[in-house]
Amino acid sequence: MDTTPRITFFHALQSRSAGTRALLEELGADYELQLLDLKAGEQRRSQYLAINPMGKVPAIRHDGALVTEQPAVFIYLADLYPAAKLAPLLGDPLRGPYLRWLVFYGSCFEPAVTDKSMQREPAAPSTCGYGDYDTMLQTLVGQLEQGPYLLGDSFSAADVLWGTALNWTTLFKLVPELPVIRAYIDRVLARPAMQRAAAKDAELLAARAG
């Protein structure tokens, strides 16, 4: 019997936290959903700012610990459920690359995509910790070309993060829909847990619209 304390998951529909919901489904985690309405500004109200002063999702609370920032949430959750085998263990040669790609998402991909969306030039390389959009994209595509997943044949939590992130960034034309990127997205989103998470969010969205 799983004695892992229940996770409280702070989530918003049609947001980046969709990736965390997909990961929770992949892990078979026991979680309580706390849904925030971003359009109503619930993420900026004092009740939620007391949980996450940044007013962002995803956030999770588990066994007295609060975890924010998407890569940190993914690292925490995947390590919490080792039986799901979505995180290479310490000592596994894939542990380093796994952490690299989770952190690369927040430290390089997101800032570079923001530059792209705002149509602004990045800072000079000597002062810019994340490089530039083109170099970031070339680095990512080069890894995807070694596929089928970021760690080769091993599917991991990093693929849940990147599959969902690339899905929405290609949708908004922030990342080019190259064949290798499209094939990777389709491969990740075809997984039953990914589809289950999407269906649950779609049901909530339909209920809200109704």
N, C-alpha and C. Protein backbone atom coordinates (compact mmCIF):
# COMPACT_ATOMS: atom_id res chain seq x y z
N MET A 1 0.84 -1.20 0.00
CA MET A 1 0.00 0.00 0.00
C MET A 1 0.88 1.25 0.00
N ASP A 2 0.55 2.21 -0.85
CA ASP A 2 1.32 3.46 -0.94
C ASP A 2 0.96 4.35 0.24
N THR A 3 1.98 4.69 1.04
CA THR A 3 1.75 5.54 2.21
C THR A 3 2.24 6.97 1.98
N THR A 4 2.57 7.32 0.73
CA THR A 4 3.03 8.67 0.41
C THR A 4 1.92 9.68 0.73
N PRO A 5 2.23 10.73 1.52
CA PRO A 5 1.20 11.73 1.83
C PRO A 5 0.63 12.36 0.56
N ARG A 6 -0.62 12.71 0.61
CA ARG A 6 -1.30 13.27 -0.55
C ARG A 6 -0.70 14.61 -0.95
N ILE A 7 -0.67 14.85 -2.25
CA ILE A 7 -0.12 16.09 -2.81
C ILE A 7 -1.27 17.06 -3.05
N THR A 8 -1.09 18.31 -2.68
CA THR A 8 -2.01 19.37 -3.07
C THR A 8 -1.42 20.07 -4.28
N PHE A 9 -2.17 20.10 -5.35
CA PHE A 9 -1.69 20.62 -6.63
C PHE A 9 -2.48 21.86 -7.00
N PHE A 10 -1.78 22.99 -7.11
CA PHE A 10 -2.40 24.26 -7.51
C PHE A 10 -2.24 24.41 -9.02
N HIS A 11 -3.36 24.48 -9.69
CA HIS A 11 -3.40 24.31 -11.14
C HIS A 11 -4.33 25.35 -11.76
N ALA A 12 -4.04 25.70 -13.01
CA ALA A 12 -4.93 26.56 -13.79
C ALA A 12 -5.08 25.95 -15.17
N LEU A 13 -6.30 25.97 -15.68
CA LEU A 13 -6.56 25.43 -17.01
C LEU A 13 -5.87 26.28 -18.07
N GLN A 14 -5.46 25.62 -19.15
CA GLN A 14 -4.82 26.29 -20.29
C GLN A 14 -3.61 27.12 -19.83
N SER A 15 -2.80 26.50 -19.01
CA SER A 15 -1.59 27.16 -18.51
C SER A 15 -0.44 26.16 -18.49
N ARG A 16 0.73 26.64 -18.09
CA ARG A 16 1.91 25.78 -18.02
C ARG A 16 1.72 24.63 -17.03
N SER A 17 0.85 24.79 -16.08
CA SER A 17 0.69 23.73 -15.08
C SER A 17 0.02 22.48 -15.65
N ALA A 18 -0.43 22.54 -16.91
CA ALA A 18 -0.96 21.34 -17.55
C ALA A 18 0.11 20.24 -17.59
N GLY A 19 1.36 20.63 -17.73
CA GLY A 19 2.43 19.64 -17.74
C GLY A 19 2.55 18.92 -16.41
N THR A 20 2.35 19.65 -15.31
CA THR A 20 2.42 19.02 -13.99
C THR A 20 1.26 18.06 -13.79
N ARG A 21 0.09 18.43 -14.29
CA ARG A 21 -1.04 17.49 -14.17
C ARG A 21 -0.74 16.21 -14.96
N ALA A 22 -0.15 16.36 -16.14
CA ALA A 22 0.21 15.18 -16.94
C ALA A 22 1.22 14.31 -16.18
N LEU A 23 2.19 14.96 -15.53
CA LEU A 23 3.18 14.19 -14.77
C LEU A 23 2.52 13.45 -13.61
N LEU A 24 1.62 14.10 -12.90
CA LEU A 24 0.92 13.44 -11.79
C LEU A 24 0.16 12.21 -12.28
N GLU A 25 -0.43 12.32 -13.47
CA GLU A 25 -1.13 11.16 -14.05
C GLU A 25 -0.14 10.07 -14.44
N GLU A 26 0.99 10.46 -15.01
CA GLU A 26 2.01 9.48 -15.38
C GLU A 26 2.52 8.73 -14.14
N LEU A 27 2.65 9.45 -13.04
CA LEU A 27 3.18 8.86 -11.82
C LEU A 27 2.15 8.04 -11.06
N GLY A 28 0.86 8.20 -11.41
CA GLY A 28 -0.19 7.56 -10.64
C GLY A 28 -0.29 8.14 -9.24
N ALA A 29 0.00 9.43 -9.13
CA ALA A 29 0.06 10.09 -7.82
C ALA A 29 -1.33 10.35 -7.25
N ASP A 30 -1.39 10.36 -5.94
CA ASP A 30 -2.61 10.74 -5.22
C ASP A 30 -2.54 12.24 -4.97
N TYR A 31 -3.43 13.00 -5.60
CA TYR A 31 -3.35 14.45 -5.44
C TYR A 31 -4.73 15.09 -5.31
N GLU A 32 -4.74 16.19 -4.58
CA GLU A 32 -5.94 17.02 -4.43
C GLU A 32 -5.77 18.24 -5.34
N LEU A 33 -6.74 18.47 -6.19
CA LEU A 33 -6.66 19.57 -7.14
C LEU A 33 -7.22 20.85 -6.54
N GLN A 34 -6.42 21.91 -6.59
CA GLN A 34 -6.87 23.25 -6.21
C GLN A 34 -6.82 24.10 -7.47
N LEU A 35 -7.98 24.37 -8.04
CA LEU A 35 -8.06 25.03 -9.34
C LEU A 35 -8.16 26.54 -9.18
N LEU A 36 -7.31 27.24 -9.93
CA LEU A 36 -7.32 28.70 -9.93
C LEU A 36 -7.82 29.21 -11.28
N ASP A 37 -8.62 30.25 -11.25
CA ASP A 37 -9.12 30.87 -12.47
C ASP A 37 -8.25 32.09 -12.78
N LEU A 38 -7.37 31.94 -13.77
CA LEU A 38 -6.44 33.03 -14.09
C LEU A 38 -7.18 34.24 -14.64
N LYS A 39 -8.23 34.01 -15.41
CA LYS A 39 -8.96 35.14 -15.99
C LYS A 39 -9.64 35.97 -14.91
N ALA A 40 -10.02 35.33 -13.82
CA ALA A 40 -10.64 36.03 -12.70
C ALA A 40 -9.59 36.63 -11.76
N GLY A 41 -8.32 36.37 -12.03
CA GLY A 41 -7.25 36.93 -11.22
C GLY A 41 -7.05 36.25 -9.89
N GLU A 42 -7.53 35.01 -9.76
CA GLU A 42 -7.42 34.33 -8.46
C GLU A 42 -5.97 34.09 -8.04
N GLN A 43 -5.07 34.03 -9.02
CA GLN A 43 -3.66 33.81 -8.70
C GLN A 43 -3.02 35.03 -8.06
N ARG A 44 -3.68 36.17 -8.13
CA ARG A 44 -3.16 37.41 -7.55
C ARG A 44 -3.83 37.79 -6.24
N ARG A 45 -4.75 36.98 -5.80
CA ARG A 45 -5.43 37.27 -4.55
C ARG A 45 -4.58 36.83 -3.36
N SER A 46 -4.83 37.46 -2.23
CA SER A 46 -3.99 37.25 -1.05
C SER A 46 -3.94 35.78 -0.62
N GLN A 47 -5.04 35.07 -0.80
CA GLN A 47 -5.09 33.67 -0.38
C GLN A 47 -4.04 32.84 -1.10
N TYR A 48 -3.91 33.08 -2.42
CA TYR A 48 -2.92 32.30 -3.15
C TYR A 48 -1.52 32.90 -3.03
N LEU A 49 -1.41 34.22 -2.94
CA LEU A 49 -0.09 34.83 -2.78
C LEU A 49 0.57 34.41 -1.48
N ALA A 50 -0.23 34.02 -0.50
CA ALA A 50 0.33 33.50 0.74
C ALA A 50 0.98 32.13 0.50
N ILE A 51 0.54 31.46 -0.54
CA ILE A 51 1.13 30.16 -0.90
C ILE A 51 2.32 30.37 -1.83
N ASN A 52 2.11 31.14 -2.89
CA ASN A 52 3.18 31.45 -3.83
C ASN A 52 3.18 32.95 -4.11
N PRO A 53 4.09 33.70 -3.51
CA PRO A 53 4.12 35.15 -3.69
C PRO A 53 4.31 35.59 -5.13
N MET A 54 4.81 34.69 -6.00
CA MET A 54 4.96 35.01 -7.41
C MET A 54 3.63 34.98 -8.15
N GLY A 55 2.62 34.39 -7.53
CA GLY A 55 1.31 34.32 -8.17
C GLY A 55 1.31 33.48 -9.42
N LYS A 56 2.08 32.38 -9.41
CA LYS A 56 2.21 31.53 -10.59
C LYS A 56 1.77 30.11 -10.27
N VAL A 57 1.44 29.39 -11.33
CA VAL A 57 1.24 27.95 -11.26
C VAL A 57 2.21 27.32 -12.24
N PRO A 58 2.60 26.07 -11.96
CA PRO A 58 2.14 25.17 -10.91
C PRO A 58 2.82 25.44 -9.58
N ALA A 59 2.17 24.95 -8.55
CA ALA A 59 2.77 24.86 -7.22
C ALA A 59 2.19 23.60 -6.58
N ILE A 60 2.98 22.98 -5.75
CA ILE A 60 2.48 21.81 -5.01
C ILE A 60 2.84 21.96 -3.54
N ARG A 61 2.01 21.36 -2.70
CA ARG A 61 2.30 21.30 -1.27
C ARG A 61 2.26 19.84 -0.89
N HIS A 62 3.30 19.39 -0.21
CA HIS A 62 3.38 17.97 0.12
C HIS A 62 4.14 17.76 1.42
N ASP A 63 3.50 17.14 2.36
CA ASP A 63 4.16 16.76 3.61
C ASP A 63 4.85 17.95 4.27
N GLY A 64 4.19 19.11 4.22
CA GLY A 64 4.72 20.31 4.85
C GLY A 64 5.62 21.14 3.98
N ALA A 65 5.96 20.64 2.80
CA ALA A 65 6.87 21.37 1.90
C ALA A 65 6.08 22.01 0.77
N LEU A 66 6.44 23.24 0.43
CA LEU A 66 5.89 23.94 -0.72
C LEU A 66 6.94 23.93 -1.82
N VAL A 67 6.56 23.52 -3.02
CA VAL A 67 7.47 23.51 -4.15
C VAL A 67 6.85 24.32 -5.29
N THR A 68 7.59 25.30 -5.79
CA THR A 68 7.18 26.08 -6.95
C THR A 68 8.28 25.98 -8.00
N GLU A 69 8.06 26.59 -9.14
CA GLU A 69 8.95 26.57 -10.30
C GLU A 69 8.88 25.20 -10.95
N GLN A 70 8.45 25.21 -12.19
CA GLN A 70 8.09 23.97 -12.86
C GLN A 70 9.19 22.90 -12.85
N PRO A 71 10.44 23.23 -13.19
CA PRO A 71 11.48 22.18 -13.13
C PRO A 71 11.63 21.58 -11.73
N ALA A 72 11.58 22.42 -10.70
CA ALA A 72 11.70 21.93 -9.33
C ALA A 72 10.53 21.01 -8.98
N VAL A 73 9.34 21.38 -9.42
CA VAL A 73 8.16 20.55 -9.17
C VAL A 73 8.34 19.18 -9.83
N PHE A 74 8.84 19.18 -11.05
CA PHE A 74 9.04 17.92 -11.77
C PHE A 74 10.10 17.05 -11.09
N ILE A 75 11.20 17.66 -10.69
CA ILE A 75 12.25 16.89 -10.02
C ILE A 75 11.70 16.27 -8.73
N TYR A 76 10.98 17.08 -7.96
CA TYR A 76 10.45 16.63 -6.68
C TYR A 76 9.47 15.46 -6.88
N LEU A 77 8.52 15.64 -7.78
CA LEU A 77 7.48 14.63 -7.96
C LEU A 77 8.04 13.32 -8.52
N ALA A 78 8.89 13.41 -9.52
CA ALA A 78 9.41 12.19 -10.13
C ALA A 78 10.28 11.40 -9.14
N ASP A 79 11.01 12.11 -8.27
CA ASP A 79 11.80 11.43 -7.25
C ASP A 79 10.90 10.85 -6.16
N LEU A 80 9.75 11.47 -5.95
CA LEU A 80 8.83 11.01 -4.90
C LEU A 80 8.21 9.66 -5.24
N TYR A 81 8.11 9.37 -6.53
CA TYR A 81 7.50 8.12 -6.99
C TYR A 81 8.50 7.31 -7.81
N PRO A 82 9.53 6.76 -7.18
CA PRO A 82 10.57 6.05 -7.92
C PRO A 82 10.07 4.82 -8.67
N ALA A 83 8.98 4.22 -8.17
CA ALA A 83 8.46 3.02 -8.83
C ALA A 83 7.99 3.30 -10.25
N ALA A 84 7.63 4.57 -10.54
CA ALA A 84 7.19 4.93 -11.89
C ALA A 84 8.36 4.99 -12.87
N LYS A 85 9.56 5.07 -12.36
CA LYS A 85 10.78 5.05 -13.17
C LYS A 85 10.81 6.18 -14.21
N LEU A 86 10.40 7.37 -13.78
CA LEU A 86 10.45 8.53 -14.66
C LEU A 86 11.61 9.45 -14.33
N ALA A 87 12.45 9.06 -13.36
CA ALA A 87 13.62 9.84 -13.00
C ALA A 87 14.79 8.89 -12.76
N PRO A 88 15.86 9.01 -13.53
CA PRO A 88 17.05 8.19 -13.26
C PRO A 88 17.54 8.46 -11.84
N LEU A 89 17.96 7.41 -11.17
CA LEU A 89 18.41 7.53 -9.79
C LEU A 89 19.83 8.06 -9.74
N LEU A 90 20.24 8.56 -8.57
CA LEU A 90 21.64 8.95 -8.36
C LEU A 90 22.53 7.76 -8.66
N GLY A 91 23.58 8.01 -9.40
CA GLY A 91 24.47 6.92 -9.79
C GLY A 91 24.20 6.39 -11.18
N ASP A 92 22.99 6.65 -11.68
CA ASP A 92 22.65 6.28 -13.06
C ASP A 92 23.32 7.30 -14.00
N PRO A 93 24.00 6.83 -15.05
CA PRO A 93 24.64 7.77 -15.97
C PRO A 93 23.68 8.77 -16.62
N LEU A 94 22.39 8.45 -16.63
CA LEU A 94 21.40 9.35 -17.23
C LEU A 94 20.91 10.42 -16.26
N ARG A 95 21.31 10.34 -14.98
CA ARG A 95 20.80 11.31 -14.01
C ARG A 95 21.24 12.72 -14.37
N GLY A 96 22.50 12.90 -14.73
CA GLY A 96 23.00 14.21 -15.10
C GLY A 96 22.29 14.80 -16.31
N PRO A 97 22.20 14.07 -17.43
CA PRO A 97 21.47 14.58 -18.59
C PRO A 97 20.00 14.87 -18.27
N TYR A 98 19.40 14.04 -17.44
CA TYR A 98 18.00 14.25 -17.04
C TYR A 98 17.84 15.60 -16.34
N LEU A 99 18.71 15.88 -15.36
CA LEU A 99 18.64 17.16 -14.66
C LEU A 99 18.97 18.31 -15.60
N ARG A 100 19.91 18.08 -16.49
CA ARG A 100 20.29 19.12 -17.45
C ARG A 100 19.07 19.59 -18.23
N TRP A 101 18.29 18.66 -18.76
CA TRP A 101 17.18 19.06 -19.64
C TRP A 101 16.00 19.62 -18.87
N LEU A 102 15.81 19.19 -17.65
CA LEU A 102 14.77 19.82 -16.83
C LEU A 102 15.13 21.27 -16.52
N VAL A 103 16.37 21.51 -16.15
CA VAL A 103 16.79 22.87 -15.80
C VAL A 103 16.93 23.74 -17.04
N PHE A 104 17.36 23.16 -18.15
CA PHE A 104 17.49 23.90 -19.40
C PHE A 104 16.16 24.55 -19.80
N TYR A 105 15.07 23.87 -19.49
CA TYR A 105 13.75 24.41 -19.81
C TYR A 105 13.55 25.78 -19.16
N GLY A 106 13.77 25.86 -17.85
CA GLY A 106 13.52 27.11 -17.14
C GLY A 106 14.62 28.15 -17.30
N SER A 107 15.87 27.69 -17.42
CA SER A 107 16.98 28.63 -17.43
C SER A 107 17.33 29.16 -18.82
N CYS A 108 16.99 28.41 -19.86
CA CYS A 108 17.35 28.82 -21.22
C CYS A 108 16.13 28.94 -22.15
N PHE A 109 15.30 27.91 -22.18
CA PHE A 109 14.18 27.89 -23.12
C PHE A 109 13.17 29.01 -22.85
N GLU A 110 12.69 29.08 -21.62
CA GLU A 110 11.66 30.08 -21.30
C GLU A 110 12.15 31.52 -21.54
N PRO A 111 13.33 31.91 -21.07
CA PRO A 111 13.77 33.29 -21.34
C PRO A 111 13.95 33.57 -22.83
N ALA A 112 14.50 32.60 -23.57
CA ALA A 112 14.71 32.81 -25.00
C ALA A 112 13.39 32.91 -25.75
N VAL A 113 12.42 32.10 -25.36
CA VAL A 113 11.10 32.16 -25.99
C VAL A 113 10.40 33.48 -25.66
N THR A 114 10.61 33.98 -24.45
CA THR A 114 10.05 35.29 -24.09
C THR A 114 10.64 36.38 -24.98
N ASP A 115 11.94 36.33 -25.20
CA ASP A 115 12.56 37.27 -26.14
C ASP A 115 11.90 37.19 -27.51
N LYS A 116 11.68 35.96 -27.96
CA LYS A 116 11.07 35.75 -29.27
C LYS A 116 9.66 36.33 -29.31
N SER A 117 8.88 36.06 -28.29
CA SER A 117 7.49 36.52 -28.29
C SER A 117 7.40 38.03 -28.21
N MET A 118 8.36 38.66 -27.52
CA MET A 118 8.36 40.11 -27.37
C MET A 118 9.11 40.81 -28.50
N GLN A 119 9.68 40.01 -29.39
CA GLN A 119 10.44 40.52 -30.55
C GLN A 119 11.55 41.48 -30.09
N ARG A 120 12.29 41.03 -29.09
CA ARG A 120 13.37 41.86 -28.58
C ARG A 120 14.69 41.11 -28.70
N GLU A 121 15.74 41.87 -28.77
CA GLU A 121 17.07 41.30 -28.88
C GLU A 121 17.55 40.83 -27.49
N PRO A 122 18.25 39.70 -27.44
CA PRO A 122 18.78 39.26 -26.14
C PRO A 122 19.93 40.16 -25.71
N ALA A 123 20.28 40.07 -24.45
CA ALA A 123 21.43 40.81 -23.94
C ALA A 123 22.71 40.28 -24.58
N ALA A 124 23.78 41.02 -24.45
CA ALA A 124 25.07 40.58 -24.98
C ALA A 124 25.47 39.25 -24.35
N PRO A 125 26.11 38.36 -25.12
CA PRO A 125 26.47 37.04 -24.59
C PRO A 125 27.23 37.09 -23.27
N SER A 126 28.05 38.12 -23.08
CA SER A 126 28.84 38.21 -21.85
C SER A 126 27.99 38.47 -20.61
N THR A 127 26.76 38.94 -20.81
CA THR A 127 25.90 39.25 -19.67
C THR A 127 24.59 38.45 -19.68
N CYS A 128 24.44 37.56 -20.66
CA CYS A 128 23.17 36.83 -20.81
C CYS A 128 23.37 35.36 -20.45
N GLY A 129 22.82 34.97 -19.33
CA GLY A 129 23.01 33.61 -18.83
C GLY A 129 22.38 32.53 -19.67
N TYR A 130 21.39 32.88 -20.49
CA TYR A 130 20.69 31.85 -21.27
C TYR A 130 21.05 31.86 -22.74
N GLY A 131 22.02 32.67 -23.13
CA GLY A 131 22.44 32.66 -24.53
C GLY A 131 21.47 33.42 -25.41
N ASP A 132 21.11 32.84 -26.54
CA ASP A 132 20.18 33.48 -27.46
C ASP A 132 19.23 32.42 -28.02
N TYR A 133 18.15 32.87 -28.62
CA TYR A 133 17.10 31.98 -29.10
C TYR A 133 17.63 30.94 -30.08
N ASP A 134 18.37 31.37 -31.10
CA ASP A 134 18.82 30.45 -32.14
C ASP A 134 19.73 29.36 -31.58
N THR A 135 20.66 29.74 -30.71
CA THR A 135 21.56 28.75 -30.12
C THR A 135 20.78 27.79 -29.23
N MET A 136 19.84 28.32 -28.45
CA MET A 136 19.00 27.48 -27.61
C MET A 136 18.26 26.45 -28.46
N LEU A 137 17.65 26.91 -29.55
CA LEU A 137 16.85 26.01 -30.39
C LEU A 137 17.73 24.96 -31.06
N GLN A 138 18.88 25.36 -31.55
CA GLN A 138 19.79 24.40 -32.18
C GLN A 138 20.23 23.33 -31.19
N THR A 139 20.47 23.74 -29.94
CA THR A 139 20.87 22.79 -28.91
C THR A 139 19.75 21.79 -28.63
N LEU A 140 18.54 22.28 -28.52
CA LEU A 140 17.39 21.42 -28.26
C LEU A 140 17.13 20.47 -29.43
N VAL A 141 17.11 21.00 -30.64
CA VAL A 141 16.84 20.17 -31.82
C VAL A 141 17.92 19.10 -31.96
N GLY A 142 19.17 19.46 -31.70
CA GLY A 142 20.24 18.49 -31.79
C GLY A 142 20.03 17.31 -30.85
N GLN A 143 19.47 17.59 -29.67
CA GLN A 143 19.18 16.51 -28.72
C GLN A 143 17.98 15.68 -29.18
N LEU A 144 16.94 16.33 -29.68
CA LEU A 144 15.75 15.60 -30.13
C LEU A 144 16.07 14.69 -31.30
N GLU A 145 17.03 15.09 -32.12
CA GLU A 145 17.40 14.27 -33.28
C GLU A 145 18.03 12.95 -32.88
N GLN A 146 18.51 12.87 -31.64
CA GLN A 146 19.08 11.62 -31.15
C GLN A 146 18.02 10.69 -30.60
N GLY A 147 16.82 11.14 -30.42
CA GLY A 147 15.59 10.52 -29.92
C GLY A 147 15.65 9.02 -29.67
N PRO A 148 14.45 8.45 -29.45
CA PRO A 148 13.13 9.08 -29.57
C PRO A 148 12.76 10.05 -28.44
N TYR A 149 13.51 9.97 -27.32
CA TYR A 149 13.23 10.85 -26.20
C TYR A 149 14.50 11.63 -25.84
N LEU A 150 14.40 12.54 -24.90
CA LEU A 150 15.55 13.36 -24.54
C LEU A 150 16.70 12.53 -23.98
N LEU A 151 16.38 11.40 -23.36
CA LEU A 151 17.41 10.50 -22.82
C LEU A 151 17.57 9.28 -23.71
N GLY A 152 17.34 9.46 -25.00
CA GLY A 152 17.47 8.33 -25.91
C GLY A 152 16.22 7.46 -25.89
N ASP A 153 16.39 6.19 -25.54
CA ASP A 153 15.25 5.28 -25.51
C ASP A 153 14.45 5.37 -24.21
N SER A 154 14.97 6.09 -23.23
CA SER A 154 14.33 6.15 -21.91
C SER A 154 13.38 7.34 -21.81
N PHE A 155 12.10 7.06 -21.63
CA PHE A 155 11.11 8.11 -21.38
C PHE A 155 11.24 8.55 -19.93
N SER A 156 11.20 9.86 -19.70
CA SER A 156 11.35 10.39 -18.34
C SER A 156 10.42 11.56 -18.11
N ALA A 157 10.43 12.06 -16.88
CA ALA A 157 9.63 13.25 -16.55
C ALA A 157 10.03 14.44 -17.41
N ALA A 158 11.29 14.49 -17.84
CA ALA A 158 11.73 15.58 -18.70
C ALA A 158 10.93 15.62 -20.00
N ASP A 159 10.53 14.46 -20.50
CA ASP A 159 9.74 14.42 -21.73
C ASP A 159 8.32 14.90 -21.51
N VAL A 160 7.78 14.66 -20.32
CA VAL A 160 6.45 15.20 -20.01
C VAL A 160 6.50 16.72 -20.07
N LEU A 161 7.54 17.29 -19.46
CA LEU A 161 7.70 18.75 -19.46
C LEU A 161 7.87 19.29 -20.87
N TRP A 162 8.80 18.72 -21.62
CA TRP A 162 9.11 19.25 -22.94
C TRP A 162 8.02 18.95 -23.96
N GLY A 163 7.37 17.82 -23.85
CA GLY A 163 6.29 17.52 -24.79
C GLY A 163 5.15 18.51 -24.68
N THR A 164 4.77 18.84 -23.45
CA THR A 164 3.68 19.82 -23.26
C THR A 164 4.15 21.23 -23.61
N ALA A 165 5.39 21.57 -23.24
CA ALA A 165 5.90 22.92 -23.54
C ALA A 165 6.03 23.16 -25.04
N LEU A 166 6.56 22.19 -25.75
CA LEU A 166 6.72 22.36 -27.19
C LEU A 166 5.37 22.33 -27.90
N ASN A 167 4.41 21.63 -27.33
CA ASN A 167 3.08 21.61 -27.93
C ASN A 167 2.48 23.01 -27.96
N TRP A 168 2.54 23.72 -26.83
CA TRP A 168 1.91 25.06 -26.82
C TRP A 168 2.78 26.10 -27.51
N THR A 169 4.10 25.96 -27.46
CA THR A 169 4.93 26.98 -28.11
C THR A 169 4.91 26.85 -29.62
N THR A 170 4.74 25.65 -30.15
CA THR A 170 4.57 25.52 -31.60
C THR A 170 3.19 26.02 -32.01
N LEU A 171 2.20 25.79 -31.16
CA LEU A 171 0.84 26.27 -31.45
C LEU A 171 0.82 27.78 -31.60
N PHE A 172 1.59 28.48 -30.77
CA PHE A 172 1.64 29.93 -30.82
C PHE A 172 2.78 30.46 -31.70
N LYS A 173 3.39 29.55 -32.47
CA LYS A 173 4.43 29.93 -33.45
C LYS A 173 5.67 30.52 -32.79
N LEU A 174 5.90 30.18 -31.54
CA LEU A 174 7.10 30.64 -30.85
C LEU A 174 8.28 29.70 -31.08
N VAL A 175 7.96 28.48 -31.50
CA VAL A 175 8.95 27.48 -31.87
C VAL A 175 8.52 26.92 -33.22
N PRO A 176 9.44 26.78 -34.17
CA PRO A 176 9.07 26.26 -35.48
C PRO A 176 8.65 24.79 -35.41
N GLU A 177 7.63 24.44 -36.16
CA GLU A 177 7.14 23.07 -36.13
C GLU A 177 7.96 22.21 -37.09
N LEU A 178 9.22 22.04 -36.75
CA LEU A 178 10.11 21.19 -37.54
C LEU A 178 9.65 19.73 -37.44
N PRO A 179 9.92 18.92 -38.45
CA PRO A 179 9.47 17.51 -38.39
C PRO A 179 9.93 16.79 -37.13
N VAL A 180 11.17 17.01 -36.70
CA VAL A 180 11.66 16.32 -35.51
C VAL A 180 10.92 16.78 -34.26
N ILE A 181 10.55 18.05 -34.21
CA ILE A 181 9.80 18.58 -33.07
C ILE A 181 8.37 18.05 -33.08
N ARG A 182 7.73 18.07 -34.25
CA ARG A 182 6.36 17.57 -34.36
C ARG A 182 6.26 16.09 -34.00
N ALA A 183 7.22 15.32 -34.48
CA ALA A 183 7.21 13.88 -34.19
C ALA A 183 7.40 13.63 -32.70
N TYR A 184 8.25 14.42 -32.07
CA TYR A 184 8.49 14.28 -30.63
C TYR A 184 7.23 14.63 -29.85
N ILE A 185 6.60 15.74 -30.18
CA ILE A 185 5.37 16.14 -29.49
C ILE A 185 4.32 15.04 -29.61
N ASP A 186 4.12 14.55 -30.82
CA ASP A 186 3.09 13.52 -31.06
C ASP A 186 3.40 12.25 -30.27
N ARG A 187 4.67 11.90 -30.19
CA ARG A 187 5.08 10.69 -29.47
C ARG A 187 4.75 10.82 -27.98
N VAL A 188 5.04 11.98 -27.42
CA VAL A 188 4.78 12.19 -25.99
C VAL A 188 3.28 12.28 -25.71
N LEU A 189 2.56 13.06 -26.51
CA LEU A 189 1.14 13.28 -26.24
C LEU A 189 0.28 12.05 -26.50
N ALA A 190 0.83 11.06 -27.21
CA ALA A 190 0.07 9.83 -27.48
C ALA A 190 0.00 8.91 -26.27
N ARG A 191 0.81 9.16 -25.25
CA ARG A 191 0.82 8.30 -24.08
C ARG A 191 -0.53 8.38 -23.34
N PRO A 192 -1.03 7.25 -22.84
CA PRO A 192 -2.34 7.23 -22.18
C PRO A 192 -2.47 8.22 -21.04
N ALA A 193 -1.44 8.37 -20.22
CA ALA A 193 -1.54 9.29 -19.08
C ALA A 193 -1.62 10.74 -19.55
N MET A 194 -0.90 11.05 -20.63
CA MET A 194 -0.95 12.40 -21.18
C MET A 194 -2.36 12.70 -21.70
N GLN A 195 -2.94 11.73 -22.38
CA GLN A 195 -4.30 11.91 -22.91
C GLN A 195 -5.32 11.99 -21.78
N ARG A 196 -5.09 11.23 -20.73
CA ARG A 196 -6.01 11.27 -19.58
C ARG A 196 -5.98 12.63 -18.91
N ALA A 197 -4.80 13.19 -18.74
CA ALA A 197 -4.69 14.51 -18.12
C ALA A 197 -5.36 15.58 -18.98
N ALA A 198 -5.15 15.50 -20.29
CA ALA A 198 -5.77 16.46 -21.21
C ALA A 198 -7.28 16.34 -21.17
N ALA A 199 -7.79 15.12 -21.09
CA ALA A 199 -9.24 14.91 -21.06
C ALA A 199 -9.85 15.46 -19.78
N LYS A 200 -9.15 15.30 -18.67
CA LYS A 200 -9.66 15.83 -17.40
C LYS A 200 -9.73 17.35 -17.42
N ASP A 201 -8.69 17.97 -18.00
CA ASP A 201 -8.71 19.43 -18.11
C ASP A 201 -9.79 19.90 -19.08
N ALA A 202 -9.97 19.18 -20.17
CA ALA A 202 -11.01 19.54 -21.14
C ALA A 202 -12.40 19.47 -20.52
N GLU A 203 -12.60 18.46 -19.66
CA GLU A 203 -13.88 18.33 -18.98
C GLU A 203 -14.15 19.50 -18.04
N LEU A 204 -13.11 19.91 -17.31
CA LEU A 204 -13.24 21.06 -16.42
C LEU A 204 -13.49 22.34 -17.20
N LEU A 205 -12.82 22.47 -18.33
CA LEU A 205 -12.97 23.66 -19.15
C LEU A 205 -14.38 23.74 -19.72
N ALA A 206 -14.91 22.60 -20.16
CA ALA A 206 -16.27 22.57 -20.69
C ALA A 206 -17.30 22.90 -19.61
N ALA A 207 -17.07 22.39 -18.40
CA ALA A 207 -17.99 22.68 -17.29
C ALA A 207 -17.97 24.16 -16.95
N ARG A 208 -16.78 24.77 -17.00
CA ARG A 208 -16.68 26.19 -16.70
C ARG A 208 -17.37 27.02 -17.78
N ALA A 209 -17.23 26.63 -19.02
CA ALA A 209 -17.86 27.35 -20.12
C ALA A 209 -19.38 27.22 -20.07
N GLY A 210 -19.84 26.07 -19.57
CA GLY A 210 -21.28 25.83 -19.49
C GLY A 210 -21.92 26.63 -18.38
